[in-house]
């Protein structure tokens, strides 16, 4: 891990001293994410309500620049030379990406599957169709017991994904299943969510620092 990457984690704890209790877990989660990206894998994210919004938010920070300018691959950049004005526009606009998918995004699929089959299995169904061994599932649940997140994490283990849970402070079904659980040290839903945001922002910033 670069020194600059370590500084981002250090700053997180300085700004939110209560997160010192989970610093080691944040670092462990980061290492899982970094390894997946170095191996050409991707991250899939799920959650409900505010945590569904967090899933989308994280994907937004990973697929485009967050804090730093991100170059696209030299191969793609050079190939665009042959496409005139359109190629030039793409060269000047595209940003480097870290592959991530929010499982909360697929409205037609999720509503069809919930109506025809079983609502609690929607995230698992998407995971089954989209994930590869070595990918990472990040499940966000303030209680740690959201059924659809638990079922997706169960399938992720079977499919040989790495699993990270972002929860509140209590022991939960997700904390028993996941490779790493970051337990924000609060119990009320909105307070847990308020701490989830700086945690995942730090993880996104650390990944960007390392890869760009």
N, C-alpha and C. Protein backbone atom coordinates (compact mmCIF):
# COMPACT_ATOMS: atom_id res chain seq x y z
N UNK A 1 0.84 -1.19 0.00
CA UNK A 1 0.00 0.00 0.00
C UNK A 1 0.88 1.25 0.00
N UNK A 2 0.61 2.18 -0.90
CA UNK A 2 1.37 3.42 -0.96
C UNK A 2 1.23 4.21 0.33
N UNK A 3 2.23 5.03 0.63
CA UNK A 3 2.15 5.90 1.80
C UNK A 3 0.94 6.83 1.70
N UNK A 4 0.68 7.33 0.48
CA UNK A 4 -0.46 8.24 0.29
C UNK A 4 -1.79 7.52 0.55
N UNK A 5 -1.83 6.25 0.23
CA UNK A 5 -3.04 5.46 0.50
C UNK A 5 -3.23 5.30 2.01
N UNK A 6 -2.16 5.02 2.71
CA UNK A 6 -2.23 4.90 4.17
C UNK A 6 -2.68 6.20 4.81
N UNK A 7 -2.29 7.32 4.23
CA UNK A 7 -2.66 8.63 4.77
C UNK A 7 -4.17 8.85 4.71
N UNK A 8 -4.80 8.32 3.68
CA UNK A 8 -6.26 8.48 3.56
C UNK A 8 -6.96 7.76 4.71
N UNK A 9 -6.49 6.57 5.03
CA UNK A 9 -7.06 5.83 6.16
C UNK A 9 -6.79 6.58 7.47
N UNK A 10 -5.58 7.08 7.61
CA UNK A 10 -5.22 7.84 8.82
C UNK A 10 -6.12 9.06 8.98
N UNK A 11 -6.37 9.75 7.86
CA UNK A 11 -7.23 10.93 7.91
C UNK A 11 -8.66 10.58 8.29
N UNK A 12 -9.15 9.43 7.81
CA UNK A 12 -10.49 8.98 8.18
C UNK A 12 -10.63 8.89 9.69
N UNK A 13 -9.65 8.29 10.34
CA UNK A 13 -9.72 8.11 11.79
C UNK A 13 -9.55 9.44 12.52
N UNK A 14 -8.75 10.32 11.96
CA UNK A 14 -8.59 11.65 12.57
C UNK A 14 -9.89 12.43 12.52
N UNK A 15 -10.60 12.33 11.41
CA UNK A 15 -11.86 13.07 11.24
C UNK A 15 -13.01 12.43 11.99
N UNK A 16 -12.97 11.11 12.12
CA UNK A 16 -14.04 10.37 12.80
C UNK A 16 -13.41 9.44 13.83
N UNK A 17 -13.01 9.99 14.98
CA UNK A 17 -12.27 9.19 15.97
C UNK A 17 -13.00 7.92 16.41
N UNK A 18 -14.34 7.93 16.38
CA UNK A 18 -15.08 6.74 16.79
C UNK A 18 -14.83 5.56 15.86
N UNK A 19 -14.33 5.84 14.65
CA UNK A 19 -14.05 4.76 13.70
C UNK A 19 -12.69 4.10 13.96
N UNK A 20 -11.97 4.58 14.95
CA UNK A 20 -10.74 3.91 15.32
C UNK A 20 -10.97 2.46 15.70
N UNK A 21 -12.17 2.16 16.20
CA UNK A 21 -12.51 0.79 16.61
C UNK A 21 -12.59 -0.16 15.42
N UNK A 22 -12.79 0.39 14.21
CA UNK A 22 -12.93 -0.47 13.04
C UNK A 22 -11.81 -0.23 12.02
N UNK A 23 -10.77 0.47 12.41
CA UNK A 23 -9.69 0.79 11.47
C UNK A 23 -9.09 -0.46 10.85
N UNK A 24 -8.84 -1.48 11.64
CA UNK A 24 -8.24 -2.70 11.10
C UNK A 24 -9.16 -3.38 10.10
N UNK A 25 -10.47 -3.32 10.36
CA UNK A 25 -11.42 -3.94 9.44
C UNK A 25 -11.52 -3.16 8.14
N UNK A 26 -11.45 -1.84 8.22
CA UNK A 26 -11.44 -1.02 7.00
C UNK A 26 -10.22 -1.38 6.16
N UNK A 27 -9.07 -1.52 6.82
CA UNK A 27 -7.85 -1.87 6.09
C UNK A 27 -7.95 -3.27 5.48
N UNK A 28 -8.52 -4.21 6.21
CA UNK A 28 -8.69 -5.57 5.68
C UNK A 28 -9.63 -5.56 4.47
N UNK A 29 -10.70 -4.78 4.55
CA UNK A 29 -11.63 -4.68 3.42
C UNK A 29 -10.92 -4.07 2.21
N UNK A 30 -10.12 -3.05 2.46
CA UNK A 30 -9.37 -2.42 1.36
C UNK A 30 -8.45 -3.44 0.68
N UNK A 31 -7.76 -4.24 1.46
CA UNK A 31 -6.83 -5.22 0.89
C UNK A 31 -7.58 -6.22 -0.01
N UNK A 32 -8.77 -6.64 0.41
CA UNK A 32 -9.58 -7.54 -0.42
C UNK A 32 -9.95 -6.85 -1.73
N UNK A 33 -10.37 -5.60 -1.66
CA UNK A 33 -10.76 -4.87 -2.86
C UNK A 33 -9.58 -4.64 -3.79
N UNK A 34 -8.46 -4.25 -3.22
CA UNK A 34 -7.27 -4.01 -4.04
C UNK A 34 -6.84 -5.29 -4.75
N UNK A 35 -6.82 -6.39 -4.04
CA UNK A 35 -6.41 -7.66 -4.65
C UNK A 35 -7.33 -8.04 -5.80
N UNK A 36 -8.64 -7.85 -5.60
CA UNK A 36 -9.60 -8.18 -6.66
C UNK A 36 -9.33 -7.35 -7.91
N UNK A 37 -9.12 -6.05 -7.73
CA UNK A 37 -8.87 -5.20 -8.89
C UNK A 37 -7.53 -5.53 -9.56
N UNK A 38 -6.54 -5.87 -8.79
CA UNK A 38 -5.24 -6.23 -9.39
C UNK A 38 -5.36 -7.52 -10.20
N UNK A 39 -6.31 -8.36 -9.84
CA UNK A 39 -6.50 -9.62 -10.55
C UNK A 39 -7.52 -9.51 -11.68
N UNK A 40 -7.98 -8.30 -11.97
CA UNK A 40 -8.91 -8.11 -13.08
C UNK A 40 -10.35 -8.40 -12.74
N UNK A 41 -10.67 -8.46 -11.46
CA UNK A 41 -12.04 -8.74 -11.04
C UNK A 41 -12.82 -7.44 -10.80
N UNK A 42 -14.03 -7.58 -10.31
CA UNK A 42 -14.92 -6.45 -10.11
C UNK A 42 -15.60 -6.54 -8.74
N UNK A 43 -16.33 -5.47 -8.40
CA UNK A 43 -17.05 -5.40 -7.14
C UNK A 43 -18.54 -5.28 -7.44
N UNK A 44 -19.34 -6.06 -6.71
CA UNK A 44 -20.79 -5.99 -6.82
C UNK A 44 -21.32 -5.56 -5.45
N UNK A 45 -22.32 -4.67 -5.44
CA UNK A 45 -22.74 -4.04 -4.19
C UNK A 45 -24.25 -4.12 -4.07
N UNK A 46 -24.74 -4.38 -2.85
CA UNK A 46 -26.18 -4.44 -2.63
C UNK A 46 -26.55 -3.84 -1.28
N UNK A 47 -27.80 -3.41 -1.18
CA UNK A 47 -28.33 -2.85 0.06
C UNK A 47 -29.76 -2.42 -0.17
N UNK A 48 -30.44 -2.02 0.90
CA UNK A 48 -31.85 -1.63 0.83
C UNK A 48 -32.04 -0.21 1.35
N UNK A 49 -33.04 0.49 0.80
CA UNK A 49 -33.34 1.83 1.29
C UNK A 49 -32.15 2.76 1.13
N UNK A 50 -31.74 3.41 2.23
CA UNK A 50 -30.57 4.28 2.19
C UNK A 50 -29.33 3.55 1.76
N UNK A 51 -29.24 2.27 2.10
CA UNK A 51 -28.08 1.47 1.71
C UNK A 51 -28.09 1.16 0.22
N UNK A 52 -29.28 1.13 -0.39
CA UNK A 52 -29.36 1.01 -1.85
C UNK A 52 -28.77 2.26 -2.50
N UNK A 53 -29.09 3.42 -1.93
CA UNK A 53 -28.50 4.66 -2.43
C UNK A 53 -26.98 4.66 -2.24
N UNK A 54 -26.52 4.12 -1.11
CA UNK A 54 -25.08 4.00 -0.89
C UNK A 54 -24.44 3.11 -1.94
N UNK A 55 -25.13 2.04 -2.33
CA UNK A 55 -24.60 1.15 -3.36
C UNK A 55 -24.37 1.90 -4.66
N UNK A 56 -25.36 2.71 -5.04
CA UNK A 56 -25.23 3.52 -6.25
C UNK A 56 -24.12 4.56 -6.10
N UNK A 57 -24.04 5.15 -4.93
CA UNK A 57 -23.04 6.19 -4.65
C UNK A 57 -21.63 5.61 -4.82
N UNK A 58 -21.39 4.45 -4.25
CA UNK A 58 -20.07 3.82 -4.34
C UNK A 58 -19.70 3.54 -5.79
N UNK A 59 -20.65 3.01 -6.55
CA UNK A 59 -20.38 2.72 -7.96
C UNK A 59 -20.01 4.00 -8.71
N UNK A 60 -20.70 5.10 -8.37
CA UNK A 60 -20.38 6.37 -8.99
C UNK A 60 -18.96 6.83 -8.71
N UNK A 61 -18.47 6.55 -7.51
CA UNK A 61 -17.09 6.96 -7.16
C UNK A 61 -16.05 6.05 -7.81
N UNK A 62 -16.42 4.80 -8.11
CA UNK A 62 -15.46 3.85 -8.66
C UNK A 62 -15.37 3.91 -10.19
N UNK A 63 -16.48 4.16 -10.85
CA UNK A 63 -16.50 4.09 -12.31
C UNK A 63 -15.95 5.34 -13.00
N UNK A 64 -15.77 6.42 -12.25
CA UNK A 64 -15.21 7.65 -12.80
C UNK A 64 -14.28 8.26 -11.77
N UNK A 65 -13.70 9.40 -12.11
CA UNK A 65 -12.78 10.02 -11.16
C UNK A 65 -13.53 10.46 -9.90
N UNK A 66 -12.86 10.33 -8.77
CA UNK A 66 -13.42 10.71 -7.48
C UNK A 66 -12.70 11.96 -6.98
N UNK A 67 -11.44 11.81 -6.63
CA UNK A 67 -10.63 12.95 -6.17
C UNK A 67 -9.49 13.29 -7.13
N UNK A 68 -9.09 12.33 -7.95
CA UNK A 68 -7.91 12.49 -8.79
C UNK A 68 -8.28 12.38 -10.27
N UNK A 69 -7.44 12.96 -11.11
CA UNK A 69 -7.57 12.74 -12.55
C UNK A 69 -7.17 11.31 -12.86
N UNK A 70 -7.97 10.64 -13.69
CA UNK A 70 -7.71 9.24 -14.03
C UNK A 70 -7.51 9.08 -15.53
N UNK A 71 -6.37 8.59 -15.91
CA UNK A 71 -6.11 8.33 -17.33
C UNK A 71 -6.74 7.01 -17.75
N UNK A 72 -7.21 6.96 -19.01
CA UNK A 72 -7.66 5.69 -19.56
C UNK A 72 -6.45 4.90 -20.05
N UNK A 73 -6.66 3.66 -20.43
CA UNK A 73 -5.53 2.83 -20.85
C UNK A 73 -4.88 3.39 -22.11
N UNK A 74 -3.59 3.23 -22.20
CA UNK A 74 -2.84 3.72 -23.36
C UNK A 74 -3.35 3.05 -24.63
N UNK A 75 -3.69 1.78 -24.56
CA UNK A 75 -4.16 1.05 -25.74
C UNK A 75 -5.43 1.70 -26.31
N UNK A 76 -6.41 1.96 -25.45
CA UNK A 76 -7.66 2.57 -25.91
C UNK A 76 -7.40 3.99 -26.40
N UNK A 77 -6.59 4.73 -25.66
CA UNK A 77 -6.27 6.12 -26.02
C UNK A 77 -5.68 6.20 -27.44
N UNK A 78 -4.72 5.32 -27.72
CA UNK A 78 -4.08 5.34 -29.03
C UNK A 78 -5.03 4.88 -30.13
N UNK A 79 -5.86 3.89 -29.86
CA UNK A 79 -6.80 3.39 -30.87
C UNK A 79 -7.80 4.46 -31.29
N UNK A 80 -8.15 5.36 -30.37
CA UNK A 80 -9.13 6.39 -30.68
C UNK A 80 -8.63 7.40 -31.70
N UNK A 81 -7.32 7.42 -31.98
CA UNK A 81 -6.76 8.33 -32.98
C UNK A 81 -7.39 8.12 -34.35
N UNK A 82 -7.85 6.92 -34.62
CA UNK A 82 -8.38 6.62 -35.94
C UNK A 82 -9.84 6.98 -36.12
N UNK A 83 -10.45 7.69 -35.15
CA UNK A 83 -11.89 7.95 -35.22
C UNK A 83 -12.22 9.44 -35.24
N UNK A 84 -11.30 10.23 -35.74
CA UNK A 84 -11.57 11.64 -36.03
C UNK A 84 -12.06 12.44 -34.83
N UNK A 85 -13.09 13.29 -35.09
CA UNK A 85 -13.63 14.18 -34.07
C UNK A 85 -14.22 13.39 -32.90
N UNK A 86 -14.91 12.30 -33.22
CA UNK A 86 -15.51 11.49 -32.16
C UNK A 86 -14.43 10.88 -31.27
N UNK A 87 -13.38 10.38 -31.88
CA UNK A 87 -12.28 9.82 -31.12
C UNK A 87 -11.62 10.85 -30.25
N UNK A 88 -11.44 12.07 -30.78
CA UNK A 88 -10.82 13.14 -30.02
C UNK A 88 -11.67 13.52 -28.80
N UNK A 89 -13.00 13.55 -29.01
CA UNK A 89 -13.89 13.88 -27.89
C UNK A 89 -13.80 12.83 -26.79
N UNK A 90 -13.77 11.57 -27.20
CA UNK A 90 -13.63 10.49 -26.22
C UNK A 90 -12.29 10.57 -25.49
N UNK A 91 -11.22 10.84 -26.22
CA UNK A 91 -9.89 10.93 -25.62
C UNK A 91 -9.83 12.04 -24.57
N UNK A 92 -10.52 13.14 -24.83
CA UNK A 92 -10.45 14.28 -23.92
C UNK A 92 -11.41 14.16 -22.74
N UNK A 93 -12.33 13.19 -22.79
CA UNK A 93 -13.39 13.14 -21.79
C UNK A 93 -13.36 11.89 -20.92
N UNK A 94 -13.06 10.74 -21.53
CA UNK A 94 -13.12 9.48 -20.76
C UNK A 94 -12.18 9.50 -19.56
N UNK A 95 -12.59 8.81 -18.50
CA UNK A 95 -11.80 8.69 -17.29
C UNK A 95 -11.59 7.22 -16.95
N UNK A 96 -10.50 6.93 -16.28
CA UNK A 96 -10.23 5.57 -15.85
C UNK A 96 -11.28 5.06 -14.88
N UNK A 97 -11.55 3.77 -14.93
CA UNK A 97 -12.61 3.17 -14.12
C UNK A 97 -12.11 1.97 -13.32
N UNK A 98 -12.76 1.76 -12.20
CA UNK A 98 -12.65 0.52 -11.45
C UNK A 98 -14.01 -0.16 -11.53
N UNK A 99 -14.05 -1.36 -12.06
CA UNK A 99 -15.33 -1.99 -12.40
C UNK A 99 -16.18 -2.27 -11.16
N UNK A 100 -17.42 -1.80 -11.20
CA UNK A 100 -18.34 -2.00 -10.07
C UNK A 100 -19.77 -2.02 -10.59
N UNK A 101 -20.60 -2.84 -9.97
CA UNK A 101 -22.00 -2.98 -10.36
C UNK A 101 -22.86 -2.87 -9.11
N UNK A 102 -23.87 -2.01 -9.16
CA UNK A 102 -24.86 -1.94 -8.09
C UNK A 102 -26.01 -2.89 -8.41
N UNK A 103 -26.25 -3.83 -7.54
CA UNK A 103 -27.33 -4.80 -7.76
C UNK A 103 -28.70 -4.18 -7.49
N UNK A 104 -28.72 -2.94 -7.05
CA UNK A 104 -30.00 -2.25 -6.83
C UNK A 104 -30.50 -1.55 -8.09
N UNK A 105 -29.75 -1.62 -9.18
CA UNK A 105 -30.02 -0.78 -10.36
C UNK A 105 -30.97 -1.39 -11.37
N UNK A 106 -31.13 -2.69 -11.38
CA UNK A 106 -31.78 -3.36 -12.50
C UNK A 106 -33.28 -3.51 -12.23
N UNK A 107 -34.01 -2.44 -12.45
CA UNK A 107 -35.41 -2.34 -12.03
C UNK A 107 -36.30 -3.38 -12.71
N UNK A 108 -36.17 -3.54 -14.02
CA UNK A 108 -37.05 -4.50 -14.71
C UNK A 108 -36.79 -5.92 -14.24
N UNK A 109 -35.52 -6.27 -14.13
CA UNK A 109 -35.18 -7.62 -13.67
C UNK A 109 -35.64 -7.84 -12.25
N UNK A 110 -35.33 -6.90 -11.36
CA UNK A 110 -35.63 -7.13 -9.95
C UNK A 110 -37.12 -7.19 -9.68
N UNK A 111 -37.91 -6.34 -10.35
CA UNK A 111 -39.35 -6.39 -10.14
C UNK A 111 -39.96 -7.65 -10.76
N UNK A 112 -39.45 -8.05 -11.92
CA UNK A 112 -39.96 -9.28 -12.54
C UNK A 112 -39.65 -10.50 -11.68
N UNK A 113 -38.43 -10.57 -11.19
CA UNK A 113 -38.05 -11.74 -10.39
C UNK A 113 -38.79 -11.73 -9.06
N UNK A 114 -38.95 -10.55 -8.45
CA UNK A 114 -39.68 -10.47 -7.19
C UNK A 114 -41.13 -10.88 -7.37
N UNK A 115 -41.73 -10.50 -8.50
CA UNK A 115 -43.13 -10.84 -8.76
C UNK A 115 -43.30 -12.31 -9.12
N UNK A 116 -42.39 -12.83 -9.94
CA UNK A 116 -42.56 -14.18 -10.47
C UNK A 116 -42.00 -15.26 -9.55
N UNK A 117 -40.98 -14.91 -8.76
CA UNK A 117 -40.28 -15.92 -7.97
C UNK A 117 -40.30 -15.58 -6.48
N UNK A 118 -39.30 -14.83 -6.01
CA UNK A 118 -39.17 -14.58 -4.57
C UNK A 118 -38.36 -13.30 -4.35
N UNK A 119 -38.97 -12.26 -3.75
CA UNK A 119 -38.27 -10.98 -3.60
C UNK A 119 -36.93 -11.07 -2.87
N UNK A 120 -36.83 -11.92 -1.87
CA UNK A 120 -35.61 -11.96 -1.06
C UNK A 120 -34.41 -12.55 -1.81
N UNK A 121 -34.65 -13.15 -2.98
CA UNK A 121 -33.57 -13.79 -3.72
C UNK A 121 -33.09 -12.92 -4.89
N UNK A 122 -33.64 -11.71 -5.01
CA UNK A 122 -33.32 -10.86 -6.17
C UNK A 122 -31.83 -10.58 -6.29
N UNK A 123 -31.18 -10.18 -5.21
CA UNK A 123 -29.75 -9.87 -5.29
C UNK A 123 -28.95 -11.13 -5.63
N UNK A 124 -29.33 -12.25 -5.06
CA UNK A 124 -28.64 -13.50 -5.34
C UNK A 124 -28.78 -13.88 -6.81
N UNK A 125 -29.97 -13.67 -7.38
CA UNK A 125 -30.17 -13.98 -8.80
C UNK A 125 -29.25 -13.15 -9.68
N UNK A 126 -29.16 -11.87 -9.39
CA UNK A 126 -28.27 -11.00 -10.17
C UNK A 126 -26.81 -11.42 -9.99
N UNK A 127 -26.45 -11.74 -8.77
CA UNK A 127 -25.09 -12.18 -8.50
C UNK A 127 -24.77 -13.44 -9.30
N UNK A 128 -25.72 -14.38 -9.34
CA UNK A 128 -25.51 -15.63 -10.06
C UNK A 128 -25.24 -15.37 -11.54
N UNK A 129 -25.92 -14.38 -12.10
CA UNK A 129 -25.76 -14.09 -13.52
C UNK A 129 -24.57 -13.22 -13.86
N UNK A 130 -24.08 -12.44 -12.89
CA UNK A 130 -23.07 -11.42 -13.20
C UNK A 130 -21.70 -11.69 -12.61
N UNK A 131 -21.61 -12.46 -11.55
CA UNK A 131 -20.35 -12.56 -10.80
C UNK A 131 -19.46 -13.68 -11.31
N UNK A 132 -18.17 -13.50 -11.08
CA UNK A 132 -17.16 -14.52 -11.38
C UNK A 132 -16.36 -14.79 -10.11
N UNK A 133 -15.79 -15.97 -10.02
CA UNK A 133 -14.92 -16.29 -8.90
C UNK A 133 -13.83 -15.22 -8.80
N UNK A 134 -13.54 -14.78 -7.59
CA UNK A 134 -12.54 -13.74 -7.39
C UNK A 134 -13.11 -12.34 -7.30
N UNK A 135 -14.37 -12.16 -7.72
CA UNK A 135 -15.04 -10.87 -7.53
C UNK A 135 -15.29 -10.64 -6.04
N UNK A 136 -15.75 -9.44 -5.72
CA UNK A 136 -16.07 -9.09 -4.33
C UNK A 136 -17.53 -8.68 -4.25
N UNK A 137 -18.25 -9.21 -3.25
CA UNK A 137 -19.58 -8.73 -2.93
C UNK A 137 -19.49 -7.85 -1.70
N UNK A 138 -19.96 -6.62 -1.81
CA UNK A 138 -20.07 -5.71 -0.67
C UNK A 138 -21.55 -5.59 -0.33
N UNK A 139 -21.95 -6.11 0.81
CA UNK A 139 -23.34 -6.07 1.25
C UNK A 139 -23.47 -5.02 2.35
N UNK A 140 -24.38 -4.07 2.15
CA UNK A 140 -24.57 -2.98 3.11
C UNK A 140 -25.92 -3.17 3.81
N UNK A 141 -25.88 -3.30 5.13
CA UNK A 141 -27.09 -3.51 5.91
C UNK A 141 -26.87 -2.96 7.30
N UNK A 142 -27.65 -1.98 7.71
CA UNK A 142 -27.43 -1.39 9.02
C UNK A 142 -27.65 -2.40 10.14
N UNK A 143 -28.58 -3.33 9.94
CA UNK A 143 -28.83 -4.37 10.95
C UNK A 143 -27.88 -5.55 10.78
N UNK A 144 -27.41 -5.76 9.56
CA UNK A 144 -26.61 -6.94 9.26
C UNK A 144 -27.45 -8.19 9.04
N UNK A 145 -28.76 -8.02 9.04
CA UNK A 145 -29.65 -9.19 8.94
C UNK A 145 -30.61 -9.11 7.76
N UNK A 146 -30.41 -8.18 6.85
CA UNK A 146 -31.31 -8.06 5.69
C UNK A 146 -31.29 -9.37 4.90
N UNK A 147 -32.45 -9.96 4.74
CA UNK A 147 -32.53 -11.30 4.15
C UNK A 147 -31.93 -11.35 2.76
N UNK A 148 -32.22 -10.36 1.92
CA UNK A 148 -31.71 -10.41 0.55
C UNK A 148 -30.19 -10.27 0.51
N UNK A 149 -29.63 -9.50 1.44
CA UNK A 149 -28.17 -9.38 1.51
C UNK A 149 -27.53 -10.66 2.05
N UNK A 150 -28.18 -11.27 3.03
CA UNK A 150 -27.68 -12.53 3.59
C UNK A 150 -27.68 -13.63 2.53
N UNK A 151 -28.76 -13.72 1.77
CA UNK A 151 -28.84 -14.77 0.74
C UNK A 151 -27.81 -14.52 -0.36
N UNK A 152 -27.61 -13.27 -0.74
CA UNK A 152 -26.60 -12.96 -1.75
C UNK A 152 -25.21 -13.32 -1.23
N UNK A 153 -24.94 -13.03 0.02
CA UNK A 153 -23.63 -13.34 0.60
C UNK A 153 -23.42 -14.84 0.69
N UNK A 154 -24.48 -15.57 1.02
CA UNK A 154 -24.39 -17.04 1.05
C UNK A 154 -24.00 -17.58 -0.32
N UNK A 155 -24.67 -17.09 -1.37
CA UNK A 155 -24.34 -17.53 -2.73
C UNK A 155 -22.93 -17.12 -3.10
N UNK A 156 -22.53 -15.92 -2.67
CA UNK A 156 -21.18 -15.44 -2.99
C UNK A 156 -20.12 -16.39 -2.44
N UNK A 157 -20.35 -16.92 -1.25
CA UNK A 157 -19.39 -17.86 -0.68
C UNK A 157 -19.30 -19.12 -1.55
N UNK A 158 -20.46 -19.60 -2.01
CA UNK A 158 -20.50 -20.79 -2.85
C UNK A 158 -19.80 -20.54 -4.18
N UNK A 159 -19.92 -19.33 -4.70
CA UNK A 159 -19.34 -18.98 -6.00
C UNK A 159 -17.90 -18.52 -5.90
N UNK A 160 -17.33 -18.60 -4.71
CA UNK A 160 -15.91 -18.27 -4.48
C UNK A 160 -15.62 -16.78 -4.67
N UNK A 161 -16.57 -15.94 -4.24
CA UNK A 161 -16.32 -14.51 -4.17
C UNK A 161 -15.78 -14.18 -2.79
N UNK A 162 -15.07 -13.07 -2.69
CA UNK A 162 -14.74 -12.51 -1.39
C UNK A 162 -15.94 -11.68 -0.93
N UNK A 163 -16.17 -11.62 0.37
CA UNK A 163 -17.36 -10.95 0.88
C UNK A 163 -17.01 -9.94 1.96
N UNK A 164 -17.56 -8.75 1.81
CA UNK A 164 -17.40 -7.67 2.78
C UNK A 164 -18.80 -7.21 3.20
N UNK A 165 -19.01 -7.01 4.48
CA UNK A 165 -20.27 -6.48 4.98
C UNK A 165 -20.01 -5.14 5.66
N UNK A 166 -20.92 -4.22 5.45
CA UNK A 166 -20.89 -2.92 6.11
C UNK A 166 -22.17 -2.84 6.93
N UNK A 167 -22.05 -2.88 8.26
CA UNK A 167 -23.20 -3.01 9.15
C UNK A 167 -23.11 -2.01 10.30
N UNK A 168 -24.06 -2.15 11.25
CA UNK A 168 -23.96 -1.46 12.53
C UNK A 168 -23.13 -2.29 13.50
N UNK A 169 -23.17 -1.89 14.76
CA UNK A 169 -22.23 -2.44 15.74
C UNK A 169 -22.57 -3.84 16.24
N UNK A 170 -23.80 -4.28 16.03
CA UNK A 170 -24.23 -5.56 16.60
C UNK A 170 -23.75 -6.74 15.76
N UNK A 171 -23.54 -7.88 16.44
CA UNK A 171 -23.30 -9.13 15.73
C UNK A 171 -24.52 -9.43 14.88
N UNK A 172 -24.32 -10.06 13.73
CA UNK A 172 -25.42 -10.26 12.80
C UNK A 172 -25.16 -11.48 11.93
N UNK A 173 -26.14 -11.80 11.13
CA UNK A 173 -25.98 -12.92 10.19
C UNK A 173 -24.89 -12.61 9.19
N UNK A 174 -24.80 -11.36 8.74
CA UNK A 174 -23.75 -11.00 7.79
C UNK A 174 -22.37 -11.06 8.42
N UNK A 175 -22.26 -10.67 9.67
CA UNK A 175 -20.94 -10.70 10.31
C UNK A 175 -20.44 -12.13 10.49
N UNK A 176 -21.36 -13.07 10.60
CA UNK A 176 -20.97 -14.48 10.71
C UNK A 176 -20.56 -15.06 9.35
N UNK A 177 -21.11 -14.51 8.26
CA UNK A 177 -20.88 -15.05 6.92
C UNK A 177 -19.68 -14.42 6.21
N UNK A 178 -19.44 -13.14 6.44
CA UNK A 178 -18.55 -12.36 5.58
C UNK A 178 -17.08 -12.54 5.95
N UNK A 179 -16.23 -12.40 4.95
CA UNK A 179 -14.78 -12.45 5.19
C UNK A 179 -14.34 -11.29 6.07
N UNK A 180 -14.92 -10.11 5.85
CA UNK A 180 -14.65 -8.93 6.68
C UNK A 180 -15.97 -8.21 6.91
N UNK A 181 -16.20 -7.82 8.16
CA UNK A 181 -17.35 -6.98 8.47
C UNK A 181 -16.86 -5.70 9.12
N UNK A 182 -17.25 -4.57 8.55
CA UNK A 182 -16.96 -3.26 9.15
C UNK A 182 -18.22 -2.85 9.91
N UNK A 183 -18.14 -2.89 11.23
CA UNK A 183 -19.30 -2.60 12.08
C UNK A 183 -19.23 -1.16 12.56
N UNK A 184 -19.93 -0.28 11.85
CA UNK A 184 -19.98 1.12 12.29
C UNK A 184 -20.48 1.16 13.73
N UNK A 185 -19.79 1.87 14.62
CA UNK A 185 -20.10 1.79 16.04
C UNK A 185 -21.32 2.62 16.46
N UNK A 186 -22.45 2.26 15.88
CA UNK A 186 -23.75 2.83 16.23
C UNK A 186 -24.81 1.75 16.05
N UNK A 187 -25.99 1.98 16.63
CA UNK A 187 -27.08 1.01 16.48
C UNK A 187 -28.30 1.59 15.78
N UNK A 188 -28.57 2.90 15.92
CA UNK A 188 -29.70 3.51 15.23
C UNK A 188 -29.39 3.61 13.74
N UNK A 189 -30.39 3.30 12.93
CA UNK A 189 -30.18 3.19 11.48
C UNK A 189 -29.52 4.44 10.90
N UNK A 190 -30.07 5.61 11.18
CA UNK A 190 -29.53 6.81 10.53
C UNK A 190 -28.12 7.12 11.00
N UNK A 191 -27.82 6.78 12.25
CA UNK A 191 -26.47 7.02 12.76
C UNK A 191 -25.47 6.05 12.14
N UNK A 192 -25.90 4.82 11.94
CA UNK A 192 -25.04 3.85 11.24
C UNK A 192 -24.76 4.35 9.82
N UNK A 193 -25.81 4.79 9.14
CA UNK A 193 -25.65 5.26 7.76
C UNK A 193 -24.73 6.49 7.69
N UNK A 194 -24.79 7.35 8.68
CA UNK A 194 -23.93 8.53 8.69
C UNK A 194 -22.45 8.15 8.77
N UNK A 195 -22.15 7.01 9.39
CA UNK A 195 -20.77 6.54 9.46
C UNK A 195 -20.38 5.68 8.27
N UNK A 196 -21.35 5.06 7.63
CA UNK A 196 -21.03 4.26 6.45
C UNK A 196 -20.44 5.14 5.35
N UNK A 197 -20.97 6.36 5.18
CA UNK A 197 -20.51 7.21 4.08
C UNK A 197 -19.02 7.53 4.17
N UNK A 198 -18.50 8.04 5.30
CA UNK A 198 -17.05 8.29 5.32
C UNK A 198 -16.21 7.03 5.19
N UNK A 199 -16.73 5.89 5.64
CA UNK A 199 -15.99 4.63 5.48
C UNK A 199 -15.84 4.29 4.00
N UNK A 200 -16.96 4.30 3.27
CA UNK A 200 -16.82 3.89 1.87
C UNK A 200 -16.17 4.98 1.02
N UNK A 201 -16.31 6.24 1.40
CA UNK A 201 -15.55 7.27 0.71
C UNK A 201 -14.05 7.03 0.87
N UNK A 202 -13.64 6.68 2.07
CA UNK A 202 -12.21 6.41 2.30
C UNK A 202 -11.75 5.22 1.46
N UNK A 203 -12.54 4.16 1.41
CA UNK A 203 -12.17 2.99 0.61
C UNK A 203 -12.04 3.36 -0.86
N UNK A 204 -12.99 4.15 -1.38
CA UNK A 204 -12.93 4.57 -2.78
C UNK A 204 -11.70 5.44 -3.04
N UNK A 205 -11.42 6.36 -2.12
CA UNK A 205 -10.26 7.23 -2.28
C UNK A 205 -8.96 6.44 -2.22
N UNK A 206 -8.90 5.44 -1.34
CA UNK A 206 -7.71 4.60 -1.23
C UNK A 206 -7.48 3.81 -2.51
N UNK A 207 -8.53 3.25 -3.06
CA UNK A 207 -8.41 2.50 -4.30
C UNK A 207 -7.96 3.40 -5.45
N UNK A 208 -8.55 4.58 -5.52
CA UNK A 208 -8.16 5.52 -6.58
C UNK A 208 -6.69 5.91 -6.44
N UNK A 209 -6.26 6.17 -5.22
CA UNK A 209 -4.87 6.55 -4.98
C UNK A 209 -3.94 5.43 -5.43
N UNK A 210 -4.32 4.20 -5.17
CA UNK A 210 -3.45 3.07 -5.47
C UNK A 210 -3.36 2.78 -6.96
N UNK A 211 -4.47 2.95 -7.67
CA UNK A 211 -4.52 2.55 -9.08
C UNK A 211 -4.35 3.68 -10.08
N UNK A 212 -4.45 4.93 -9.61
CA UNK A 212 -4.33 6.04 -10.54
C UNK A 212 -3.34 7.09 -10.05
